[in-house]
Amino acid sequence: MAQVELPVNAAAPEPPEKPIDGDWLNKRGIGQPAPSAFPDLELVDPKNPKRLETNCPRLFGEETLKIEATDDTYRRLQKARLYQGAQFIVKFMGRVEVGGFMPHELPALISTFDDIRAVTIDLWETDQKELIPRLKELVVLAKFVARFTKNRVEAGTDPPQNLHMAQRHRLEVEGVLWKVLHAKSAGK
């Protein structure tokens, strides 16, 4: 058998990651969330009226977005789209706080989060210092929506399938962040 020689400067192969244990398929039943790949990313002080600005400063903070002189028209369009999505979330959260949320509104919320994620990746795909914190904020928000939906399903105000929708969305957002954080080990 021929022996394969590695180039002198070749990096040693990275060992495969140890998968996170848990009931990923959630076969325990409704109300039991799948594990999180990011257990430390949680909404801090959910009763704080400034929680969006505190937990997600890049999306909701005072200095969240700026149109730079160097931004071309496409980048300006994307930043304006991102701003409109963030404003939708702010207004939506206001409806949640006063009890005006209706179960049939969940798809619009998730669609807005998906759009925000797509624009975020488009704007900062090559800027990991900006992309990763923004994706982490989206994980925090997805966890909030999943927990909020779980509480509503348990209270009987939302249909059980909404919890699966919210959990699926949280797992999707975590998967995007995981992929970005582990792109090097995935050969990218």
N, C-alpha and C. Protein backbone atom coordinates (compact mmCIF):
# COMPACT_ATOMS: atom_id res chain seq x y z
N MET A 1 0.85 -1.17 0.00
CA MET A 1 0.00 0.00 0.00
C MET A 1 0.89 1.23 0.00
N ALA A 2 0.60 2.16 -0.87
CA ALA A 2 1.40 3.38 -0.98
C ALA A 2 1.14 4.27 0.22
N GLN A 3 2.20 4.88 0.68
CA GLN A 3 2.09 5.77 1.83
C GLN A 3 1.83 7.18 1.34
N VAL A 4 0.86 7.86 1.96
CA VAL A 4 0.52 9.23 1.58
C VAL A 4 1.34 10.17 2.46
N GLU A 5 2.03 11.08 1.80
CA GLU A 5 2.81 12.05 2.56
C GLU A 5 2.08 13.38 2.60
N LEU A 6 2.04 13.95 3.79
CA LEU A 6 1.44 15.27 3.96
C LEU A 6 2.47 16.33 3.65
N PRO A 7 2.05 17.45 3.09
CA PRO A 7 3.00 18.55 2.90
C PRO A 7 3.58 18.96 4.25
N VAL A 8 4.78 19.47 4.23
CA VAL A 8 5.47 19.83 5.45
C VAL A 8 4.68 20.84 6.28
N ASN A 9 4.04 21.79 5.67
CA ASN A 9 3.32 22.84 6.39
C ASN A 9 1.85 22.51 6.62
N ALA A 10 1.44 21.30 6.38
CA ALA A 10 0.03 20.94 6.54
C ALA A 10 -0.35 20.96 8.02
N ALA A 11 -1.51 21.51 8.29
CA ALA A 11 -2.01 21.55 9.66
C ALA A 11 -2.54 20.17 10.03
N ALA A 12 -2.40 19.86 11.29
CA ALA A 12 -2.93 18.58 11.78
C ALA A 12 -4.45 18.61 11.65
N PRO A 13 -5.05 17.48 11.29
CA PRO A 13 -6.52 17.48 11.18
C PRO A 13 -7.15 17.74 12.54
N GLU A 14 -8.26 18.46 12.51
CA GLU A 14 -8.97 18.76 13.75
C GLU A 14 -9.78 17.54 14.16
N PRO A 15 -9.78 17.25 15.46
CA PRO A 15 -10.60 16.11 15.90
C PRO A 15 -12.08 16.46 15.73
N PRO A 16 -12.89 15.44 15.46
CA PRO A 16 -14.32 15.74 15.32
C PRO A 16 -14.90 16.25 16.64
N GLU A 17 -15.89 17.11 16.53
CA GLU A 17 -16.50 17.66 17.73
C GLU A 17 -17.30 16.59 18.46
N LYS A 18 -17.41 16.75 19.75
CA LYS A 18 -18.25 15.87 20.54
C LYS A 18 -19.66 16.45 20.51
N PRO A 19 -20.62 15.72 19.95
CA PRO A 19 -21.98 16.25 19.86
C PRO A 19 -22.58 16.52 21.23
N ILE A 20 -23.44 17.50 21.29
CA ILE A 20 -24.16 17.83 22.52
C ILE A 20 -25.22 16.76 22.75
N ASP A 21 -25.25 16.21 23.95
CA ASP A 21 -26.23 15.17 24.28
C ASP A 21 -27.58 15.80 24.54
N GLY A 22 -28.60 14.98 24.44
CA GLY A 22 -29.95 15.41 24.77
C GLY A 22 -30.98 14.76 23.88
N ASP A 23 -32.22 15.01 24.17
CA ASP A 23 -33.34 14.46 23.41
C ASP A 23 -33.64 15.42 22.26
N TRP A 24 -32.83 15.36 21.21
CA TRP A 24 -32.94 16.30 20.10
C TRP A 24 -34.24 16.14 19.32
N LEU A 25 -34.80 14.96 19.33
CA LEU A 25 -36.05 14.74 18.60
C LEU A 25 -37.27 15.02 19.46
N ASN A 26 -37.04 15.35 20.72
CA ASN A 26 -38.11 15.78 21.62
C ASN A 26 -39.26 14.78 21.66
N LYS A 27 -38.92 13.55 21.90
CA LYS A 27 -39.95 12.52 21.94
C LYS A 27 -40.64 12.44 23.28
N ARG A 28 -40.29 13.33 24.20
CA ARG A 28 -40.93 13.35 25.52
C ARG A 28 -42.30 14.00 25.47
N GLY A 29 -42.59 14.68 24.40
CA GLY A 29 -43.92 15.26 24.27
C GLY A 29 -43.92 16.77 24.26
N ILE A 30 -45.10 17.30 24.10
CA ILE A 30 -45.29 18.74 23.99
C ILE A 30 -44.80 19.44 25.25
N GLY A 31 -44.21 20.57 25.07
CA GLY A 31 -43.77 21.36 26.21
C GLY A 31 -42.34 21.11 26.62
N GLN A 32 -41.72 20.08 26.07
CA GLN A 32 -40.34 19.78 26.41
C GLN A 32 -39.46 20.23 25.24
N PRO A 33 -38.71 21.30 25.42
CA PRO A 33 -37.91 21.80 24.30
C PRO A 33 -36.72 20.89 24.00
N ALA A 34 -36.32 20.89 22.75
CA ALA A 34 -35.08 20.23 22.37
C ALA A 34 -33.93 20.97 23.04
N PRO A 35 -32.81 20.29 23.25
CA PRO A 35 -31.67 20.98 23.86
C PRO A 35 -31.24 22.19 23.02
N SER A 36 -30.47 23.04 23.63
CA SER A 36 -29.94 24.21 22.94
C SER A 36 -28.44 24.03 22.75
N ALA A 37 -27.96 24.40 21.59
CA ALA A 37 -26.53 24.41 21.35
C ALA A 37 -25.87 25.60 22.03
N PHE A 38 -26.70 26.54 22.49
CA PHE A 38 -26.21 27.76 23.12
C PHE A 38 -26.99 28.04 24.40
N PRO A 39 -26.81 27.20 25.42
CA PRO A 39 -27.60 27.38 26.65
C PRO A 39 -27.33 28.70 27.37
N ASP A 40 -26.19 29.33 27.10
CA ASP A 40 -25.85 30.58 27.77
C ASP A 40 -26.50 31.80 27.11
N LEU A 41 -27.07 31.64 25.93
CA LEU A 41 -27.72 32.76 25.26
C LEU A 41 -29.19 32.78 25.65
N GLU A 42 -29.52 33.67 26.56
CA GLU A 42 -30.89 33.79 27.07
C GLU A 42 -31.25 35.25 27.23
N LEU A 43 -32.52 35.53 27.16
CA LEU A 43 -33.02 36.88 27.40
C LEU A 43 -32.82 37.21 28.88
N VAL A 44 -32.14 38.29 29.15
CA VAL A 44 -31.88 38.71 30.52
C VAL A 44 -33.02 39.61 30.97
N ASP A 45 -33.54 39.35 32.16
CA ASP A 45 -34.60 40.16 32.77
C ASP A 45 -35.75 40.45 31.81
N PRO A 46 -36.55 39.41 31.48
CA PRO A 46 -37.64 39.60 30.51
C PRO A 46 -38.69 40.62 30.92
N LYS A 47 -38.73 41.02 32.19
CA LYS A 47 -39.73 42.01 32.61
C LYS A 47 -39.23 43.45 32.47
N ASN A 48 -37.97 43.62 32.16
CA ASN A 48 -37.39 44.95 31.98
C ASN A 48 -37.94 45.57 30.69
N PRO A 49 -38.53 46.76 30.76
CA PRO A 49 -39.08 47.38 29.55
C PRO A 49 -38.02 47.68 28.48
N LYS A 50 -36.78 47.77 28.88
CA LYS A 50 -35.69 48.03 27.93
C LYS A 50 -34.98 46.73 27.54
N ARG A 51 -35.65 45.58 27.73
CA ARG A 51 -34.98 44.30 27.50
C ARG A 51 -34.51 44.13 26.06
N LEU A 52 -35.24 44.64 25.09
CA LEU A 52 -34.79 44.50 23.71
C LEU A 52 -33.49 45.25 23.49
N GLU A 53 -33.42 46.49 23.95
CA GLU A 53 -32.21 47.28 23.79
C GLU A 53 -31.04 46.68 24.57
N THR A 54 -31.33 46.15 25.76
CA THR A 54 -30.29 45.58 26.61
C THR A 54 -29.76 44.27 26.05
N ASN A 55 -30.65 43.39 25.61
CA ASN A 55 -30.25 42.07 25.14
C ASN A 55 -29.82 42.04 23.68
N CYS A 56 -30.31 42.96 22.91
CA CYS A 56 -30.04 42.97 21.47
C CYS A 56 -29.68 44.39 21.01
N PRO A 57 -28.58 44.91 21.50
CA PRO A 57 -28.25 46.31 21.19
C PRO A 57 -27.96 46.56 19.71
N ARG A 58 -27.48 45.57 18.99
CA ARG A 58 -27.19 45.78 17.57
C ARG A 58 -28.47 45.88 16.74
N LEU A 59 -29.52 45.24 17.21
CA LEU A 59 -30.77 45.28 16.47
C LEU A 59 -31.71 46.37 16.97
N PHE A 60 -31.69 46.64 18.29
CA PHE A 60 -32.67 47.57 18.86
C PHE A 60 -32.08 48.75 19.61
N GLY A 61 -30.76 48.81 19.75
CA GLY A 61 -30.14 49.88 20.52
C GLY A 61 -30.20 51.23 19.80
N GLU A 62 -29.83 52.26 20.53
CA GLU A 62 -29.86 53.63 20.00
C GLU A 62 -29.02 53.79 18.74
N GLU A 63 -27.87 53.18 18.75
CA GLU A 63 -26.94 53.32 17.62
C GLU A 63 -26.92 52.05 16.78
N THR A 64 -28.07 51.44 16.61
CA THR A 64 -28.14 50.15 15.96
C THR A 64 -27.64 50.13 14.52
N LEU A 65 -28.14 51.00 13.70
CA LEU A 65 -27.76 51.03 12.30
C LEU A 65 -27.44 52.45 11.87
N LYS A 66 -26.48 52.56 11.00
CA LYS A 66 -26.13 53.85 10.43
C LYS A 66 -25.92 53.67 8.93
N ILE A 67 -26.39 54.63 8.19
CA ILE A 67 -26.08 54.65 6.77
C ILE A 67 -24.74 55.37 6.65
N GLU A 68 -23.76 54.66 6.15
CA GLU A 68 -22.41 55.23 5.99
C GLU A 68 -22.29 55.87 4.62
N ALA A 69 -21.44 56.86 4.52
CA ALA A 69 -21.21 57.54 3.24
C ALA A 69 -20.72 56.54 2.18
N THR A 70 -20.03 55.50 2.62
CA THR A 70 -19.49 54.51 1.69
C THR A 70 -20.51 53.43 1.31
N ASP A 71 -21.68 53.42 1.93
CA ASP A 71 -22.71 52.43 1.59
C ASP A 71 -23.29 52.71 0.21
N ASP A 72 -23.27 51.69 -0.64
CA ASP A 72 -23.91 51.86 -1.95
C ASP A 72 -25.43 51.73 -1.79
N THR A 73 -26.16 51.91 -2.85
CA THR A 73 -27.63 51.89 -2.78
C THR A 73 -28.15 50.55 -2.27
N TYR A 74 -27.57 49.44 -2.74
CA TYR A 74 -28.04 48.13 -2.28
C TYR A 74 -27.87 47.98 -0.77
N ARG A 75 -26.71 48.35 -0.27
CA ARG A 75 -26.45 48.25 1.18
C ARG A 75 -27.42 49.15 1.95
N ARG A 76 -27.72 50.33 1.44
CA ARG A 76 -28.69 51.23 2.08
C ARG A 76 -30.08 50.60 2.09
N LEU A 77 -30.46 49.96 0.98
CA LEU A 77 -31.75 49.26 0.93
C LEU A 77 -31.81 48.16 1.99
N GLN A 78 -30.74 47.40 2.11
CA GLN A 78 -30.71 46.29 3.07
C GLN A 78 -30.77 46.81 4.51
N LYS A 79 -30.06 47.87 4.79
CA LYS A 79 -30.10 48.44 6.14
C LYS A 79 -31.49 48.99 6.45
N ALA A 80 -32.14 49.61 5.47
CA ALA A 80 -33.50 50.11 5.67
C ALA A 80 -34.46 48.93 5.89
N ARG A 81 -34.28 47.85 5.17
CA ARG A 81 -35.09 46.64 5.35
C ARG A 81 -34.90 46.06 6.74
N LEU A 82 -33.65 46.01 7.19
CA LEU A 82 -33.35 45.51 8.53
C LEU A 82 -34.00 46.38 9.59
N TYR A 83 -33.94 47.68 9.40
CA TYR A 83 -34.55 48.62 10.35
C TYR A 83 -36.07 48.41 10.41
N GLN A 84 -36.71 48.24 9.26
CA GLN A 84 -38.15 48.01 9.25
C GLN A 84 -38.51 46.71 9.96
N GLY A 85 -37.70 45.67 9.78
CA GLY A 85 -37.94 44.41 10.49
C GLY A 85 -37.82 44.58 11.99
N ALA A 86 -36.81 45.34 12.42
CA ALA A 86 -36.62 45.59 13.86
C ALA A 86 -37.80 46.37 14.42
N GLN A 87 -38.29 47.34 13.66
CA GLN A 87 -39.45 48.12 14.12
C GLN A 87 -40.70 47.25 14.22
N PHE A 88 -40.85 46.31 13.30
CA PHE A 88 -41.96 45.36 13.38
C PHE A 88 -41.89 44.58 14.69
N ILE A 89 -40.68 44.12 15.03
CA ILE A 89 -40.50 43.35 16.27
C ILE A 89 -40.84 44.20 17.49
N VAL A 90 -40.39 45.45 17.51
CA VAL A 90 -40.68 46.35 18.63
C VAL A 90 -42.19 46.51 18.79
N LYS A 91 -42.87 46.76 17.70
CA LYS A 91 -44.34 46.93 17.77
C LYS A 91 -45.02 45.63 18.17
N PHE A 92 -44.51 44.54 17.66
CA PHE A 92 -45.07 43.23 17.99
C PHE A 92 -44.93 42.96 19.49
N MET A 93 -43.75 43.23 20.03
CA MET A 93 -43.52 43.00 21.46
C MET A 93 -44.44 43.88 22.29
N GLY A 94 -44.73 45.07 21.82
CA GLY A 94 -45.70 45.93 22.50
C GLY A 94 -47.07 45.27 22.56
N ARG A 95 -47.48 44.62 21.48
CA ARG A 95 -48.76 43.90 21.47
C ARG A 95 -48.74 42.73 22.45
N VAL A 96 -47.59 42.06 22.52
CA VAL A 96 -47.46 40.94 23.47
C VAL A 96 -47.62 41.44 24.89
N GLU A 97 -46.98 42.56 25.21
CA GLU A 97 -47.01 43.10 26.57
C GLU A 97 -48.41 43.50 27.03
N VAL A 98 -49.24 43.95 26.11
CA VAL A 98 -50.59 44.36 26.50
C VAL A 98 -51.62 43.25 26.28
N GLY A 99 -51.14 42.05 25.92
CA GLY A 99 -52.05 40.93 25.74
C GLY A 99 -52.80 40.93 24.42
N GLY A 100 -52.30 41.66 23.43
CA GLY A 100 -52.98 41.74 22.14
C GLY A 100 -52.54 40.72 21.13
N PHE A 101 -51.59 39.84 21.49
CA PHE A 101 -51.07 38.84 20.56
C PHE A 101 -52.14 37.78 20.28
N MET A 102 -52.26 37.41 19.02
CA MET A 102 -53.17 36.34 18.61
C MET A 102 -52.34 35.20 18.02
N PRO A 103 -52.73 33.95 18.29
CA PRO A 103 -51.93 32.81 17.83
C PRO A 103 -51.64 32.79 16.33
N HIS A 104 -52.55 33.28 15.53
CA HIS A 104 -52.35 33.24 14.08
C HIS A 104 -51.27 34.24 13.62
N GLU A 105 -50.77 35.08 14.52
CA GLU A 105 -49.73 36.05 14.17
C GLU A 105 -48.32 35.47 14.24
N LEU A 106 -48.17 34.29 14.82
CA LEU A 106 -46.84 33.71 14.98
C LEU A 106 -46.10 33.54 13.65
N PRO A 107 -46.73 33.06 12.59
CA PRO A 107 -45.98 32.94 11.33
C PRO A 107 -45.41 34.28 10.83
N ALA A 108 -46.13 35.37 11.01
CA ALA A 108 -45.61 36.68 10.58
C ALA A 108 -44.39 37.07 11.40
N LEU A 109 -44.41 36.76 12.69
CA LEU A 109 -43.26 37.06 13.54
C LEU A 109 -42.05 36.26 13.10
N ILE A 110 -42.23 34.97 12.89
CA ILE A 110 -41.12 34.11 12.48
C ILE A 110 -40.62 34.51 11.10
N SER A 111 -41.51 34.85 10.21
CA SER A 111 -41.11 35.31 8.88
C SER A 111 -40.24 36.57 8.98
N THR A 112 -40.60 37.47 9.87
CA THR A 112 -39.82 38.69 10.05
C THR A 112 -38.44 38.36 10.61
N PHE A 113 -38.38 37.45 11.58
CA PHE A 113 -37.07 37.03 12.10
C PHE A 113 -36.22 36.39 11.00
N ASP A 114 -36.84 35.57 10.16
CA ASP A 114 -36.10 34.94 9.07
C ASP A 114 -35.55 35.99 8.10
N ASP A 115 -36.36 37.00 7.82
CA ASP A 115 -35.92 38.07 6.93
C ASP A 115 -34.78 38.86 7.56
N ILE A 116 -34.90 39.16 8.84
CA ILE A 116 -33.83 39.87 9.55
C ILE A 116 -32.54 39.05 9.49
N ARG A 117 -32.64 37.75 9.67
CA ARG A 117 -31.45 36.90 9.62
C ARG A 117 -30.84 36.92 8.21
N ALA A 118 -31.67 36.83 7.18
CA ALA A 118 -31.16 36.83 5.81
C ALA A 118 -30.43 38.14 5.50
N VAL A 119 -31.01 39.26 5.90
CA VAL A 119 -30.39 40.56 5.65
C VAL A 119 -29.10 40.69 6.46
N THR A 120 -29.12 40.23 7.69
CA THR A 120 -27.93 40.28 8.54
C THR A 120 -26.78 39.52 7.89
N ILE A 121 -27.05 38.33 7.40
CA ILE A 121 -26.01 37.53 6.75
C ILE A 121 -25.55 38.23 5.48
N ASP A 122 -26.48 38.79 4.72
CA ASP A 122 -26.12 39.49 3.49
C ASP A 122 -25.21 40.68 3.78
N LEU A 123 -25.53 41.44 4.81
CA LEU A 123 -24.75 42.65 5.11
C LEU A 123 -23.39 42.36 5.74
N TRP A 124 -23.30 41.33 6.59
CA TRP A 124 -22.06 41.12 7.36
C TRP A 124 -21.45 39.74 7.19
N GLU A 125 -21.74 39.07 6.10
CA GLU A 125 -21.23 37.71 5.89
C GLU A 125 -19.71 37.64 5.97
N THR A 126 -19.02 38.65 5.54
CA THR A 126 -17.56 38.64 5.56
C THR A 126 -16.97 39.35 6.78
N ASP A 127 -17.81 39.82 7.66
CA ASP A 127 -17.37 40.54 8.86
C ASP A 127 -17.81 39.76 10.10
N GLN A 128 -17.04 38.74 10.48
CA GLN A 128 -17.39 37.88 11.60
C GLN A 128 -17.56 38.64 12.91
N LYS A 129 -16.79 39.71 13.10
CA LYS A 129 -16.91 40.51 14.33
C LYS A 129 -18.28 41.13 14.47
N GLU A 130 -18.92 41.41 13.36
CA GLU A 130 -20.26 42.00 13.38
C GLU A 130 -21.34 40.93 13.22
N LEU A 131 -21.09 39.94 12.40
CA LEU A 131 -22.09 38.90 12.11
C LEU A 131 -22.41 38.05 13.33
N ILE A 132 -21.40 37.55 14.02
CA ILE A 132 -21.63 36.61 15.12
C ILE A 132 -22.45 37.23 16.25
N PRO A 133 -22.12 38.43 16.74
CA PRO A 133 -22.97 39.01 17.80
C PRO A 133 -24.41 39.25 17.34
N ARG A 134 -24.59 39.60 16.08
CA ARG A 134 -25.94 39.81 15.57
C ARG A 134 -26.72 38.49 15.50
N LEU A 135 -26.06 37.42 15.09
CA LEU A 135 -26.73 36.11 15.07
C LEU A 135 -27.03 35.64 16.49
N LYS A 136 -26.16 35.95 17.43
CA LYS A 136 -26.43 35.60 18.83
C LYS A 136 -27.67 36.31 19.33
N GLU A 137 -27.86 37.56 18.93
CA GLU A 137 -29.08 38.28 19.33
C GLU A 137 -30.31 37.59 18.76
N LEU A 138 -30.22 37.07 17.55
CA LEU A 138 -31.37 36.37 16.97
C LEU A 138 -31.66 35.06 17.69
N VAL A 139 -30.62 34.40 18.20
CA VAL A 139 -30.84 33.19 19.01
C VAL A 139 -31.59 33.56 20.29
N VAL A 140 -31.17 34.64 20.93
CA VAL A 140 -31.85 35.11 22.15
C VAL A 140 -33.32 35.37 21.87
N LEU A 141 -33.61 36.04 20.78
CA LEU A 141 -35.01 36.34 20.43
C LEU A 141 -35.79 35.07 20.10
N ALA A 142 -35.16 34.15 19.38
CA ALA A 142 -35.85 32.89 19.04
C ALA A 142 -36.17 32.09 20.30
N LYS A 143 -35.26 32.11 21.26
CA LYS A 143 -35.53 31.42 22.53
C LYS A 143 -36.68 32.09 23.29
N PHE A 144 -36.72 33.41 23.26
CA PHE A 144 -37.82 34.12 23.91
C PHE A 144 -39.15 33.72 23.28
N VAL A 145 -39.22 33.71 21.96
CA VAL A 145 -40.46 33.36 21.26
C VAL A 145 -40.85 31.91 21.57
N ALA A 146 -39.88 31.01 21.60
CA ALA A 146 -40.20 29.61 21.91
C ALA A 146 -40.74 29.47 23.33
N ARG A 147 -40.13 30.16 24.29
CA ARG A 147 -40.59 30.09 25.68
C ARG A 147 -41.97 30.73 25.84
N PHE A 148 -42.16 31.87 25.19
CA PHE A 148 -43.44 32.57 25.21
C PHE A 148 -44.53 31.67 24.61
N THR A 149 -44.22 31.03 23.49
CA THR A 149 -45.19 30.15 22.83
C THR A 149 -45.47 28.93 23.70
N LYS A 150 -44.46 28.38 24.33
CA LYS A 150 -44.65 27.24 25.22
C LYS A 150 -45.63 27.60 26.34
N ASN A 151 -45.44 28.76 26.94
CA ASN A 151 -46.33 29.20 28.01
C ASN A 151 -47.76 29.35 27.52
N ARG A 152 -47.92 29.89 26.32
CA ARG A 152 -49.27 30.07 25.77
C ARG A 152 -49.92 28.74 25.42
N VAL A 153 -49.15 27.80 24.91
CA VAL A 153 -49.71 26.47 24.60
C VAL A 153 -50.13 25.79 25.89
N GLU A 154 -49.28 25.86 26.91
CA GLU A 154 -49.62 25.24 28.20
C GLU A 154 -50.85 25.89 28.83
N ALA A 155 -51.05 27.19 28.59
CA ALA A 155 -52.22 27.89 29.13
C ALA A 155 -53.47 27.62 28.30
N GLY A 156 -53.30 27.01 27.14
CA GLY A 156 -54.44 26.70 26.29
C GLY A 156 -54.86 27.82 25.37
N THR A 157 -54.07 28.88 25.26
CA THR A 157 -54.44 30.00 24.38
C THR A 157 -53.91 29.85 22.96
N ASP A 158 -52.93 28.97 22.76
CA ASP A 158 -52.36 28.74 21.43
C ASP A 158 -52.46 27.27 21.08
N PRO A 159 -52.59 26.96 19.79
CA PRO A 159 -52.64 25.55 19.39
C PRO A 159 -51.26 24.89 19.57
N PRO A 160 -51.22 23.61 19.85
CA PRO A 160 -49.94 22.92 20.11
C PRO A 160 -48.94 23.02 18.96
N GLN A 161 -49.42 23.09 17.72
CA GLN A 161 -48.49 23.14 16.60
C GLN A 161 -47.67 24.43 16.59
N ASN A 162 -48.16 25.48 17.23
CA ASN A 162 -47.37 26.72 17.31
C ASN A 162 -46.08 26.50 18.08
N LEU A 163 -46.12 25.63 19.07
CA LEU A 163 -44.89 25.35 19.81
C LEU A 163 -43.87 24.66 18.91
N HIS A 164 -44.32 23.75 18.09
CA HIS A 164 -43.40 23.08 17.16
C HIS A 164 -42.82 24.09 16.16
N MET A 165 -43.65 25.02 15.72
CA MET A 165 -43.18 26.06 14.80
C MET A 165 -42.11 26.92 15.48
N ALA A 166 -42.35 27.32 16.70
CA ALA A 166 -41.40 28.17 17.43
C ALA A 166 -40.12 27.41 17.74
N GLN A 167 -40.24 26.14 18.14
CA GLN A 167 -39.04 25.34 18.43
C GLN A 167 -38.22 25.09 17.16
N ARG A 168 -38.92 24.80 16.06
CA ARG A 168 -38.22 24.56 14.79
C ARG A 168 -37.44 25.82 14.40
N HIS A 169 -38.07 26.97 14.59
CA HIS A 169 -37.40 28.21 14.25
C HIS A 169 -36.17 28.44 15.14
N ARG A 170 -36.30 28.19 16.44
CA ARG A 170 -35.16 28.35 17.34
C ARG A 170 -34.00 27.45 16.92
N LEU A 171 -34.31 26.20 16.59
CA LEU A 171 -33.27 25.26 16.17
C LEU A 171 -32.62 25.71 14.85
N GLU A 172 -33.41 26.26 13.97
CA GLU A 172 -32.87 26.76 12.71
C GLU A 172 -31.89 27.91 12.95
N VAL A 173 -32.26 28.85 13.79
CA VAL A 173 -31.40 30.00 14.09
C VAL A 173 -30.12 29.53 14.78
N GLU A 174 -30.26 28.60 15.73
CA GLU A 174 -29.07 28.06 16.39
C GLU A 174 -28.17 27.35 15.39
N GLY A 175 -28.78 26.65 14.43
CA GLY A 175 -28.00 25.96 13.41
C GLY A 175 -27.19 26.92 12.55
N VAL A 176 -27.78 28.06 12.21
CA VAL A 176 -27.07 29.07 11.42
C VAL A 176 -25.88 29.60 12.21
N LEU A 177 -26.10 29.94 13.48
CA LEU A 177 -25.00 30.44 14.31
C LEU A 177 -23.92 29.37 14.47
N TRP A 178 -24.33 28.14 14.73
CA TRP A 178 -23.37 27.04 14.89
C TRP A 178 -22.52 26.89 13.64
N LYS A 179 -23.15 26.95 12.49
CA LYS A 179 -22.44 26.79 11.22
C LYS A 179 -21.42 27.91 11.03
N VAL A 180 -21.80 29.14 11.35
CA VAL A 180 -20.88 30.26 11.21
C VAL A 180 -19.69 30.10 12.18
N LEU A 181 -19.99 29.73 13.42
CA LEU A 181 -18.93 29.58 14.41
C LEU A 181 -17.99 28.42 14.11
N HIS A 182 -18.48 27.40 13.43
CA HIS A 182 -17.69 26.20 13.17
C HIS A 182 -17.34 26.04 11.70
N ALA A 183 -17.37 27.11 10.94
CA ALA A 183 -17.09 27.03 9.50
C ALA A 183 -15.69 26.50 9.23
N LYS A 184 -14.73 26.87 10.05
CA LYS A 184 -13.34 26.41 9.83
C LYS A 184 -13.25 24.90 9.98
N SER A 185 -13.89 24.36 11.02
CA SER A 185 -13.81 22.92 11.23
C SER A 185 -14.65 22.15 10.22
N ALA A 186 -15.57 22.85 9.54
CA ALA A 186 -16.38 22.20 8.50
C ALA A 186 -15.69 22.29 7.15
N GLY A 187 -14.46 22.81 7.13
CA GLY A 187 -13.70 22.87 5.90
C GLY A 187 -14.00 24.10 5.06
N LYS A 188 -14.57 25.13 5.66
CA LYS A 188 -14.89 26.34 4.90
C LYS A 188 -13.97 27.46 5.30
